[in-house]
Amino acid sequence: QESLVGLLEPINTRSTDPQYFLDTPQQAAAILQKVGRP
């Protein structure tokens, strides 16, 4: 509605944030495909 873009960032769980849910580009890309919003 505001012509904005949302971004998903994988954050590494090996050192920076072991509890972060989204941690690989493969996981993020699969989620983006499921949502299917440009």
Full PDB file with SEQRES, HELIX, SHEET, SSBOND, CRYST1, ORIGX, SCALE, CONECT and MASTER records, all heavy atoms in Angstrom:
SEQRES   1 A   38  GLN GLU SER LEU VAL GLY LEU LEU GLU PRO ILE ASN THR          
SEQRES   2 A   38  ARG SER THR ASP PRO GLN TYR PHE LEU ASP THR PRO GLN          
SEQRES   3 A   38  GLN ALA ALA ALA ILE LEU GLN LYS VAL GLY ARG PRO              
HELIX    1 AA1 PRO A   25  VAL A   35  1                                  11    
CRYST1    1.000    1.000    1.000  90.00  90.00  90.00 P 1           1          
ORIGX1      1.000000  0.000000  0.000000        0.00000                         
ORIGX2      0.000000  1.000000  0.000000        0.00000                         
ORIGX3      0.000000  0.000000  1.000000        0.00000                         
SCALE1      1.000000  0.000000  0.000000        0.00000                         
SCALE2      0.000000  1.000000  0.000000        0.00000                         
SCALE3      0.000000  0.000000  1.000000        0.00000                         
ATOM      1  N   GLN A   1       0.824  -1.218   0.000  1.00  0.00           N  
ATOM      2  CA  GLN A   1       0.000   0.000   0.000  1.00  0.00           C  
ATOM      3  C   GLN A   1       0.856   1.265   0.000  1.00  0.00           C  
ATOM      4  O   GLN A   1       0.405   2.322  -0.424  1.00  0.00           O  
ATOM      5  CB  GLN A   1      -0.926  -0.009   1.216  1.00  0.00           C  
ATOM      6  CG  GLN A   1      -1.983  -1.094   1.172  1.00  0.00           C  
ATOM      7  CD  GLN A   1      -2.826  -1.121   2.443  1.00  0.00           C  
ATOM      8  OE1 GLN A   1      -2.709  -0.233   3.292  1.00  0.00           O  
ATOM      9  NE2 GLN A   1      -3.674  -2.117   2.581  1.00  0.00           N  
ATOM     10  N   GLU A   2       2.097   1.133   0.486  1.00  0.00           N  
ATOM     11  CA  GLU A   2       2.989   2.294   0.571  1.00  0.00           C  
ATOM     12  C   GLU A   2       4.154   2.190  -0.417  1.00  0.00           C  
ATOM     13  O   GLU A   2       5.108   2.966  -0.330  1.00  0.00           O  
ATOM     14  CB  GLU A   2       3.553   2.422   2.003  1.00  0.00           C  
ATOM     15  CG  GLU A   2       2.500   2.464   3.094  1.00  0.00           C  
ATOM     16  CD  GLU A   2       1.622   3.701   3.034  1.00  0.00           C  
ATOM     17  OE1 GLU A   2       2.017   4.670   2.345  1.00  0.00           O  
ATOM     18  OE2 GLU A   2       0.551   3.718   3.669  1.00  0.00           O  
ATOM     19  N   SER A   3       4.082   1.222  -1.331  1.00  0.00           N  
ATOM     20  CA  SER A   3       5.156   0.992  -2.321  1.00  0.00           C  
ATOM     21  C   SER A   3       6.499   0.739  -1.644  1.00  0.00           C  
ATOM     22  O   SER A   3       7.547   1.220  -2.091  1.00  0.00           O  
ATOM     23  CB  SER A   3       5.261   2.179  -3.288  1.00  0.00           C  
ATOM     24  OG  SER A   3       4.055   2.361  -4.001  1.00  0.00           O  
ATOM     25  N   LEU A   4       6.476  -0.053  -0.562  1.00  0.00           N  
ATOM     26  CA  LEU A   4       7.684  -0.419   0.174  1.00  0.00           C  
ATOM     27  C   LEU A   4       8.025  -1.884  -0.058  1.00  0.00           C  
ATOM     28  O   LEU A   4       7.161  -2.692  -0.411  1.00  0.00           O  
ATOM     29  CB  LEU A   4       7.490  -0.167   1.670  1.00  0.00           C  
ATOM     30  CG  LEU A   4       7.221   1.281   2.092  1.00  0.00           C  
ATOM     31  CD1 LEU A   4       6.875   1.345   3.573  1.00  0.00           C  
ATOM     32  CD2 LEU A   4       8.416   2.164   1.777  1.00  0.00           C  
ATOM     33  N   VAL A   5       9.287  -2.217   0.177  1.00  0.00           N  
ATOM     34  CA  VAL A   5       9.792  -3.582   0.019  1.00  0.00           C  
ATOM     35  C   VAL A   5      10.178  -4.122   1.389  1.00  0.00           C  
ATOM     36  O   VAL A   5      10.808  -3.421   2.193  1.00  0.00           O  
ATOM     37  CB  VAL A   5      11.007  -3.608  -0.928  1.00  0.00           C  
ATOM     38  CG1 VAL A   5      11.684  -4.980  -0.921  1.00  0.00           C  
ATOM     39  CG2 VAL A   5      10.588  -3.237  -2.342  1.00  0.00           C  
ATOM     40  N   GLY A   6       9.805  -5.365   1.659  1.00  0.00           N  
ATOM     41  CA  GLY A   6      10.222  -6.045   2.872  1.00  0.00           C  
ATOM     42  C   GLY A   6      11.362  -7.009   2.576  1.00  0.00           C  
ATOM     43  O   GLY A   6      11.380  -7.673   1.533  1.00  0.00           O  
ATOM     44  N   LEU A   7      12.318  -7.093   3.483  1.00  0.00           N  
ATOM     45  CA  LEU A   7      13.493  -7.938   3.291  1.00  0.00           C  
ATOM     46  C   LEU A   7      13.591  -8.986   4.384  1.00  0.00           C  
ATOM     47  O   LEU A   7      13.275  -8.725   5.552  1.00  0.00           O  
ATOM     48  CB  LEU A   7      14.766  -7.093   3.299  1.00  0.00           C  
ATOM     49  CG  LEU A   7      14.887  -6.026   2.206  1.00  0.00           C  
ATOM     50  CD1 LEU A   7      16.133  -5.180   2.443  1.00  0.00           C  
ATOM     51  CD2 LEU A   7      14.924  -6.662   0.829  1.00  0.00           C  
ATOM     52  N   LEU A   8      14.061 -10.182   4.000  1.00  0.00           N  
ATOM     53  CA  LEU A   8      14.343 -11.261   4.942  1.00  0.00           C  
ATOM     54  C   LEU A   8      15.845 -11.478   4.986  1.00  0.00           C  
ATOM     55  O   LEU A   8      16.478 -11.706   3.943  1.00  0.00           O  
ATOM     56  CB  LEU A   8      13.665 -12.562   4.497  1.00  0.00           C  
ATOM     57  CG  LEU A   8      12.200 -12.788   4.894  1.00  0.00           C  
ATOM     58  CD1 LEU A   8      11.308 -11.710   4.284  1.00  0.00           C  
ATOM     59  CD2 LEU A   8      11.742 -14.167   4.454  1.00  0.00           C  
ATOM     60  N   GLU A   9      16.416 -11.406   6.186  1.00  0.00           N  
ATOM     61  CA  GLU A   9      17.866 -11.570   6.323  1.00  0.00           C  
ATOM     62  C   GLU A   9      18.199 -12.805   7.163  1.00  0.00           C  
ATOM     63  O   GLU A   9      17.884 -12.843   8.358  1.00  0.00           O  
ATOM     64  CB  GLU A   9      18.511 -10.356   6.988  1.00  0.00           C  
ATOM     65  CG  GLU A   9      20.025 -10.526   7.123  1.00  0.00           C  
ATOM     66  CD  GLU A   9      20.695  -9.463   7.975  1.00  0.00           C  
ATOM     67  OE1 GLU A   9      19.996  -8.764   8.720  1.00  0.00           O  
ATOM     68  OE2 GLU A   9      21.928  -9.342   7.901  1.00  0.00           O  
ATOM     69  N   PRO A  10      18.869 -13.807   6.571  1.00  0.00           N  
ATOM     70  CA  PRO A  10      19.395 -14.900   7.382  1.00  0.00           C  
ATOM     71  C   PRO A  10      20.576 -14.401   8.215  1.00  0.00           C  
ATOM     72  O   PRO A  10      21.461 -13.709   7.703  1.00  0.00           O  
ATOM     73  CB  PRO A  10      19.862 -15.930   6.340  1.00  0.00           C  
ATOM     74  CG  PRO A  10      19.283 -15.485   5.032  1.00  0.00           C  
ATOM     75  CD  PRO A  10      19.104 -14.004   5.134  1.00  0.00           C  
ATOM     76  N   ILE A  11      20.588 -14.749   9.491  1.00  0.00           N  
ATOM     77  CA  ILE A  11      21.666 -14.385  10.416  1.00  0.00           C  
ATOM     78  C   ILE A  11      22.308 -15.671  10.915  1.00  0.00           C  
ATOM     79  O   ILE A  11      21.610 -16.605  11.305  1.00  0.00           O  
ATOM     80  CB  ILE A  11      21.112 -13.552  11.582  1.00  0.00           C  
ATOM     81  CG1 ILE A  11      20.598 -12.200  11.048  1.00  0.00           C  
ATOM     82  CG2 ILE A  11      22.168 -13.338  12.663  1.00  0.00           C  
ATOM     83  CD1 ILE A  11      19.947 -11.327  12.088  1.00  0.00           C  
ATOM     84  N   ASN A  12      23.636 -15.712  10.892  1.00  0.00           N  
ATOM     85  CA  ASN A  12      24.303 -16.981  11.204  1.00  0.00           C  
ATOM     86  C   ASN A  12      24.081 -17.408  12.648  1.00  0.00           C  
ATOM     87  O   ASN A  12      24.059 -16.579  13.564  1.00  0.00           O  
ATOM     88  CB  ASN A  12      25.797 -16.901  10.855  1.00  0.00           C  
ATOM     89  CG  ASN A  12      26.635 -16.317  11.961  1.00  0.00           C  
ATOM     90  OD1 ASN A  12      26.961 -17.003  12.932  1.00  0.00           O  
ATOM     91  ND2 ASN A  12      26.989 -15.040  11.832  1.00  0.00           N  
ATOM     92  N   THR A  13      23.896 -18.701  12.819  1.00  0.00           N  
ATOM     93  CA  THR A  13      23.681 -19.275  14.153  1.00  0.00           C  
ATOM     94  C   THR A  13      24.923 -19.995  14.666  1.00  0.00           C  
ATOM     95  O   THR A  13      24.865 -20.638  15.713  1.00  0.00           O  
ATOM     96  CB  THR A  13      22.496 -20.260  14.118  1.00  0.00           C  
ATOM     97  OG1 THR A  13      22.669 -21.180  13.034  1.00  0.00           O  
ATOM     98  CG2 THR A  13      21.180 -19.527  13.945  1.00  0.00           C  
ATOM     99  N   ARG A  14      26.023 -19.881  13.950  1.00  0.00           N  
ATOM    100  CA  ARG A  14      27.279 -20.496  14.418  1.00  0.00           C  
ATOM    101  C   ARG A  14      28.002 -19.615  15.437  1.00  0.00           C  
ATOM    102  O   ARG A  14      28.638 -20.119  16.363  1.00  0.00           O  
ATOM    103  CB  ARG A  14      28.208 -20.777  13.238  1.00  0.00           C  
ATOM    104  CG  ARG A  14      27.682 -21.778  12.233  1.00  0.00           C  
ATOM    105  CD  ARG A  14      28.745 -22.110  11.197  1.00  0.00           C  
ATOM    106  NE  ARG A  14      28.226 -22.892  10.098  1.00  0.00           N  
ATOM    107  CZ  ARG A  14      28.061 -24.210  10.108  1.00  0.00           C  
ATOM    108  NH1 ARG A  14      28.392 -24.890  11.188  1.00  0.00           N  
ATOM    109  NH2 ARG A  14      27.586 -24.834   9.052  1.00  0.00           N  
ATOM    110  N   SER A  15      27.897 -18.298  15.274  1.00  0.00           N  
ATOM    111  CA  SER A  15      28.636 -17.412  16.176  1.00  0.00           C  
ATOM    112  C   SER A  15      27.827 -16.186  16.599  1.00  0.00           C  
ATOM    113  O   SER A  15      27.845 -15.812  17.766  1.00  0.00           O  
ATOM    114  CB  SER A  15      29.936 -16.949  15.510  1.00  0.00           C  
ATOM    115  OG  SER A  15      29.684 -16.246  14.310  1.00  0.00           O  
ATOM    116  N   THR A  16      27.095 -15.571  15.682  1.00  0.00           N  
ATOM    117  CA  THR A  16      26.449 -14.298  15.995  1.00  0.00           C  
ATOM    118  C   THR A  16      25.216 -14.462  16.869  1.00  0.00           C  
ATOM    119  O   THR A  16      25.056 -13.770  17.874  1.00  0.00           O  
ATOM    120  CB  THR A  16      26.071 -13.557  14.696  1.00  0.00           C  
ATOM    121  OG1 THR A  16      27.268 -13.288  13.961  1.00  0.00           O  
ATOM    122  CG2 THR A  16      25.357 -12.252  14.994  1.00  0.00           C  
ATOM    123  N   ASP A  17      24.310 -15.364  16.504  1.00  0.00           N  
ATOM    124  CA  ASP A  17      23.045 -15.494  17.231  1.00  0.00           C  
ATOM    125  C   ASP A  17      22.559 -16.941  17.138  1.00  0.00           C  
ATOM    126  O   ASP A  17      21.775 -17.282  16.250  1.00  0.00           O  
ATOM    127  CB  ASP A  17      22.002 -14.543  16.656  1.00  0.00           C  
ATOM    128  CG  ASP A  17      20.799 -14.363  17.577  1.00  0.00           C  
ATOM    129  OD1 ASP A  17      20.544 -15.268  18.404  1.00  0.00           O  
ATOM    130  OD2 ASP A  17      20.113 -13.327  17.468  1.00  0.00           O  
ATOM    131  N   PRO A  18      23.009 -17.817  18.033  1.00  0.00           N  
ATOM    132  CA  PRO A  18      22.659 -19.241  17.941  1.00  0.00           C  
ATOM    133  C   PRO A  18      21.165 -19.530  17.977  1.00  0.00           C  
ATOM    134  O   PRO A  18      20.737 -20.595  17.524  1.00  0.00           O  
ATOM    135  CB  PRO A  18      23.369 -19.848  19.161  1.00  0.00           C  
ATOM    136  CG  PRO A  18      24.495 -18.923  19.452  1.00  0.00           C  
ATOM    137  CD  PRO A  18      23.962 -17.554  19.119  1.00  0.00           C  
ATOM    138  N   GLN A  19      20.347 -18.603  18.482  1.00  0.00           N  
ATOM    139  CA  GLN A  19      18.909 -18.843  18.607  1.00  0.00           C  
ATOM    140  C   GLN A  19      18.106 -18.284  17.440  1.00  0.00           C  
ATOM    141  O   GLN A  19      16.885 -18.470  17.397  1.00  0.00           O  
ATOM    142  CB  GLN A  19      18.387 -18.227  19.914  1.00  0.00           C  
ATOM    143  CG  GLN A  19      18.896 -18.891  21.191  1.00  0.00           C  
ATOM    144  CD  GLN A  19      18.460 -20.351  21.279  1.00  0.00           C  
ATOM    145  OE1 GLN A  19      19.293 -21.249  21.223  1.00  0.00           O  
ATOM    146  NE2 GLN A  19      17.163 -20.574  21.390  1.00  0.00           N  
ATOM    147  N   TYR A  20      18.756 -17.604  16.485  1.00  0.00           N  
ATOM    148  CA  TYR A  20      17.977 -16.942  15.443  1.00  0.00           C  
ATOM    149  C   TYR A  20      17.289 -17.972  14.561  1.00  0.00           C  
ATOM    150  O   TYR A  20      17.853 -18.999  14.203  1.00  0.00           O  
ATOM    151  CB  TYR A  20      18.866 -16.024  14.604  1.00  0.00           C  
ATOM    152  CG  TYR A  20      18.083 -14.901  13.966  1.00  0.00           C  
ATOM    153  CD1 TYR A  20      17.623 -13.830  14.731  1.00  0.00           C  
ATOM    154  CD2 TYR A  20      17.774 -14.905  12.609  1.00  0.00           C  
ATOM    155  CE1 TYR A  20      16.881 -12.802  14.169  1.00  0.00           C  
ATOM    156  CE2 TYR A  20      17.030 -13.878  12.032  1.00  0.00           C  
ATOM    157  CZ  TYR A  20      16.590 -12.834  12.828  1.00  0.00           C  
ATOM    158  OH  TYR A  20      15.839 -11.826  12.274  1.00  0.00           O  
ATOM    159  N   PHE A  21      16.035 -17.683  14.202  1.00  0.00           N  
ATOM    160  CA  PHE A  21      15.239 -18.667  13.457  1.00  0.00           C  
ATOM    161  C   PHE A  21      15.693 -18.798  12.011  1.00  0.00           C  
ATOM    162  O   PHE A  21      15.810 -19.912  11.480  1.00  0.00           O  
ATOM    163  CB  PHE A  21      13.763 -18.267  13.498  1.00  0.00           C  
ATOM    164  CG  PHE A  21      12.893 -19.096  12.587  1.00  0.00           C  
ATOM    165  CD1 PHE A  21      12.633 -20.434  12.886  1.00  0.00           C  
ATOM    166  CD2 PHE A  21      12.344 -18.557  11.436  1.00  0.00           C  
ATOM    167  CE1 PHE A  21      11.846 -21.213  12.046  1.00  0.00           C  
ATOM    168  CE2 PHE A  21      11.546 -19.323  10.601  1.00  0.00           C  
ATOM    169  CZ  PHE A  21      11.306 -20.661  10.897  1.00  0.00           C  
ATOM    170  N   LEU A  22      15.944 -17.683  11.358  1.00  0.00           N  
ATOM    171  CA  LEU A  22      16.256 -17.675   9.920  1.00  0.00           C  
ATOM    172  C   LEU A  22      17.770 -17.590   9.760  1.00  0.00           C  
ATOM    173  O   LEU A  22      18.360 -16.546  10.048  1.00  0.00           O  
ATOM    174  CB  LEU A  22      15.574 -16.479   9.256  1.00  0.00           C  
ATOM    175  CG  LEU A  22      15.555 -16.431   7.737  1.00  0.00           C  
ATOM    176  CD1 LEU A  22      14.623 -17.504   7.169  1.00  0.00           C  
ATOM    177  CD2 LEU A  22      15.123 -15.045   7.258  1.00  0.00           C  
ATOM    178  N   ASP A  23      18.400 -18.679   9.296  1.00  0.00           N  
ATOM    179  CA  ASP A  23      19.868 -18.662   9.328  1.00  0.00           C  
ATOM    180  C   ASP A  23      20.561 -19.051   8.027  1.00  0.00           C  
ATOM    181  O   ASP A  23      21.800 -19.014   7.975  1.00  0.00           O  
ATOM    182  CB  ASP A  23      20.393 -19.516  10.489  1.00  0.00           C  
ATOM    183  CG  ASP A  23      20.059 -20.998  10.356  1.00  0.00           C  
ATOM    184  OD1 ASP A  23      19.303 -21.379   9.440  1.00  0.00           O  
ATOM    185  OD2 ASP A  23      20.567 -21.780  11.188  1.00  0.00           O  
ATOM    186  N   THR A  24      19.858 -19.409   6.974  1.00  0.00           N  
ATOM    187  CA  THR A  24      20.519 -19.714   5.703  1.00  0.00           C  
ATOM    188  C   THR A  24      19.751 -19.087   4.540  1.00  0.00           C  
ATOM    189  O   THR A  24      18.530 -18.907   4.616  1.00  0.00           O  
ATOM    190  CB  THR A  24      20.622 -21.231   5.447  1.00  0.00           C  
ATOM    191  OG1 THR A  24      19.309 -21.769   5.201  1.00  0.00           O  
ATOM    192  CG2 THR A  24      21.294 -21.954   6.608  1.00  0.00           C  
ATOM    193  N   PRO A  25      20.444 -18.788   3.452  1.00  0.00           N  
ATOM    194  CA  PRO A  25      19.725 -18.275   2.280  1.00  0.00           C  
ATOM    195  C   PRO A  25      18.756 -19.296   1.707  1.00  0.00           C  
ATOM    196  O   PRO A  25      17.709 -18.918   1.154  1.00  0.00           O  
ATOM    197  CB  PRO A  25      20.851 -17.943   1.293  1.00  0.00           C  
ATOM    198  CG  PRO A  25      22.043 -18.704   1.760  1.00  0.00           C  
ATOM    199  CD  PRO A  25      21.903 -18.820   3.238  1.00  0.00           C  
ATOM    200  N   GLN A  26      19.079 -20.573   1.834  1.00  0.00           N  
ATOM    201  CA  GLN A  26      18.169 -21.609   1.332  1.00  0.00           C  
ATOM    202  C   GLN A  26      16.841 -21.580   2.084  1.00  0.00           C  
ATOM    203  O   GLN A  26      15.765 -21.663   1.469  1.00  0.00           O  
ATOM    204  CB  GLN A  26      18.828 -22.984   1.462  1.00  0.00           C  
ATOM    205  CG  GLN A  26      20.026 -23.209   0.545  1.00  0.00           C  
ATOM    206  CD  GLN A  26      21.329 -22.645   1.089  1.00  0.00           C  
ATOM    207  OE1 GLN A  26      21.377 -22.071   2.181  1.00  0.00           O  
ATOM    208  NE2 GLN A  26      22.407 -22.814   0.329  1.00  0.00           N  
ATOM    209  N   GLN A  27      16.901 -21.444   3.401  1.00  0.00           N  
ATOM    210  CA  GLN A  27      15.677 -21.372   4.203  1.00  0.00           C  
ATOM    211  C   GLN A  27      14.883 -20.121   3.849  1.00  0.00           C  
ATOM    212  O   GLN A  27      13.651 -20.179   3.676  1.00  0.00           O  
ATOM    213  CB  GLN A  27      16.029 -21.364   5.698  1.00  0.00           C  
ATOM    214  CG  GLN A  27      14.830 -21.299   6.627  1.00  0.00           C  
ATOM    215  CD  GLN A  27      15.226 -21.019   8.080  1.00  0.00           C  
ATOM    216  OE1 GLN A  27      16.383 -20.682   8.363  1.00  0.00           O  
ATOM    217  NE2 GLN A  27      14.272 -21.146   8.992  1.00  0.00           N  
ATOM    218  N   ALA A  28      15.568 -18.990   3.718  1.00  0.00           N  
ATOM    219  CA  ALA A  28      14.873 -17.743   3.406  1.00  0.00           C  
ATOM    220  C   ALA A  28      14.239 -17.790   2.018  1.00  0.00           C  
ATOM    221  O   ALA A  28      13.104 -17.338   1.826  1.00  0.00           O  
ATOM    222  CB  ALA A  28      15.852 -16.570   3.501  1.00  0.00           C  
ATOM    223  N   ALA A  29      14.969 -18.339   1.037  1.00  0.00           N  
ATOM    224  CA  ALA A  29      14.432 -18.416  -0.323  1.00  0.00           C  
ATOM    225  C   ALA A  29      13.200 -19.303  -0.376  1.00  0.00           C  
ATOM    226  O   ALA A  29      12.232 -19.009  -1.088  1.00  0.00           O  
ATOM    227  CB  ALA A  29      15.506 -18.930  -1.277  1.00  0.00           C  
ATOM    228  N   ALA A  30      13.219 -20.416   0.387  1.00  0.00           N  
ATOM    229  CA  ALA A  30      12.053 -21.306   0.414  1.00  0.00           C  
ATOM    230  C   ALA A  30      10.843 -20.598   1.008  1.00  0.00           C  
ATOM    231  O   ALA A  30       9.708 -20.764   0.532  1.00  0.00           O  
ATOM    232  CB  ALA A  30      12.389 -22.568   1.202  1.00  0.00           C  
ATOM    233  N   ILE A  31      11.063 -19.787   2.046  1.00  0.00           N  
ATOM    234  CA  ILE A  31       9.961 -19.045   2.660  1.00  0.00           C  
ATOM    235  C   ILE A  31       9.432 -17.992   1.696  1.00  0.00           C  
ATOM    236  O   ILE A  31       8.214 -17.815   1.546  1.00  0.00           O  
ATOM    237  CB  ILE A  31      10.420 -18.436   3.997  1.00  0.00           C  
ATOM    238  CG1 ILE A  31      10.569 -19.543   5.046  1.00  0.00           C  
ATOM    239  CG2 ILE A  31       9.443 -17.356   4.479  1.00  0.00           C  
ATOM    240  CD1 ILE A  31      11.178 -19.095   6.354  1.00  0.00           C  
ATOM    241  N   LEU A  32      10.324 -17.294   1.019  1.00  0.00           N  
ATOM    242  CA  LEU A  32       9.888 -16.307   0.036  1.00  0.00           C  
ATOM    243  C   LEU A  32       9.047 -16.954  -1.061  1.00  0.00           C  
ATOM    244  O   LEU A  32       8.045 -16.391  -1.511  1.00  0.00           O  
ATOM    245  CB  LEU A  32      11.099 -15.605  -0.583  1.00  0.00           C  
ATOM    246  CG  LEU A  32      11.807 -14.577   0.293  1.00  0.00           C  
ATOM    247  CD1 LEU A  32      13.092 -14.108  -0.385  1.00  0.00           C  
ATOM    248  CD2 LEU A  32      10.904 -13.388   0.594  1.00  0.00           C  
ATOM    249  N   GLN A  33       9.440 -18.145  -1.478  1.00  0.00           N  
ATOM    250  CA  GLN A  33       8.678 -18.844  -2.518  1.00  0.00           C  
ATOM    251  C   GLN A  33       7.282 -19.202  -2.023  1.00  0.00           C  
ATOM    252  O   GLN A  33       6.299 -19.087  -2.762  1.00  0.00           O  
ATOM    253  CB  GLN A  33       9.424 -20.093  -2.959  1.00  0.00           C  
ATOM    254  CG  GLN A  33       8.753 -20.827  -4.117  1.00  0.00           C  
ATOM    255  CD  GLN A  33       9.573 -22.004  -4.604  1.00  0.00           C  
ATOM    256  OE1 GLN A  33      10.303 -22.621  -3.840  1.00  0.00           O  
ATOM    257  NE2 GLN A  33       9.454 -22.322  -5.884  1.00  0.00           N  
ATOM    258  N   LYS A  34       7.190 -19.618  -0.763  1.00  0.00           N  
ATOM    259  CA  LYS A  34       5.887 -19.982  -0.203  1.00  0.00           C  
ATOM    260  C   LYS A  34       4.985 -18.757  -0.069  1.00  0.00           C  
ATOM    261  O   LYS A  34       3.777 -18.856  -0.281  1.00  0.00           O  
ATOM    262  CB  LYS A  34       6.072 -20.666   1.154  1.00  0.00           C  
ATOM    263  CG  LYS A  34       6.689 -22.057   1.062  1.00  0.00           C  
ATOM    264  CD  LYS A  34       6.895 -22.665   2.441  1.00  0.00           C  
ATOM    265  CE  LYS A  34       7.537 -24.047   2.347  1.00  0.00           C  
ATOM    266  NZ  LYS A  34       7.796 -24.640   3.676  1.00  0.00           N  
ATOM    267  N   VAL A  35       5.549 -17.632   0.297  1.00  0.00           N  
ATOM    268  CA  VAL A  35       4.744 -16.415   0.436  1.00  0.00           C  
ATOM    269  C   VAL A  35       4.338 -15.890  -0.940  1.00  0.00           C  
ATOM    270  O   VAL A  35       3.194 -15.466  -1.147  1.00  0.00           O  
ATOM    271  CB  VAL A  35       5.510 -15.336   1.223  1.00  0.00           C  
ATOM    272  CG1 VAL A  35       4.687 -14.047   1.321  1.00  0.00           C  
ATOM    273  CG2 VAL A  35       5.847 -15.835   2.615  1.00  0.00           C  
ATOM    274  N   GLY A  36       5.293 -15.876  -1.868  1.00  0.00           N  
ATOM    275  CA  GLY A  36       4.979 -15.520  -3.245  1.00  0.00           C  
ATOM    276  C   GLY A  36       4.534 -14.090  -3.469  1.00  0.00           C  
ATOM    277  O   GLY A  36       3.658 -13.827  -4.286  1.00  0.00           O  
ATOM    278  N   ARG A  37       5.147 -13.148  -2.765  1.00  0.00           N  
ATOM    279  CA  ARG A  37       4.805 -11.737  -2.936  1.00  0.00           C  
ATOM    280  C   ARG A  37       6.006 -10.991  -3.527  1.00  0.00           C  
ATOM    281  O   ARG A  37       7.113 -11.067  -2.983  1.00  0.00           O  
ATOM    282  CB  ARG A  37       4.400 -11.108  -1.602  1.00  0.00           C  
ATOM    283  CG  ARG A  37       3.222 -11.804  -0.927  1.00  0.00           C  
ATOM    284  CD  ARG A  37       1.933 -11.707  -1.745  1.00  0.00           C  
ATOM    285  NE  ARG A  37       0.869 -12.513  -1.175  1.00  0.00           N  
ATOM    286  CZ  ARG A  37       0.041 -12.095  -0.228  1.00  0.00           C  
ATOM    287  NH1 ARG A  37       0.167 -10.877   0.273  1.00  0.00           N  
ATOM    288  NH2 ARG A  37      -0.911 -12.891   0.239  1.00  0.00           N  
ATOM    289  N   PRO A  38       5.799 -10.256  -4.618  1.00  0.00           N  
ATOM    290  CA  PRO A  38       6.940  -9.641  -5.303  1.00  0.00           C  
ATOM    291  C   PRO A  38       7.638  -8.545  -4.512  1.00  0.00           C  
ATOM    292  O   PRO A  38       8.789  -8.211  -4.818  1.00  0.00           O  
ATOM    293  CB  PRO A  38       6.309  -9.063  -6.582  1.00  0.00           C  
ATOM    294  CG  PRO A  38       4.863  -8.892  -6.258  1.00  0.00           C  
ATOM    295  CD  PRO A  38       4.523 -10.005  -5.312  1.00  0.00           C  
TER     296      PRO A  38                                                      
MASTER        0    0    0    1    0    0    0    6  295    1    0    3          
END                                                                             
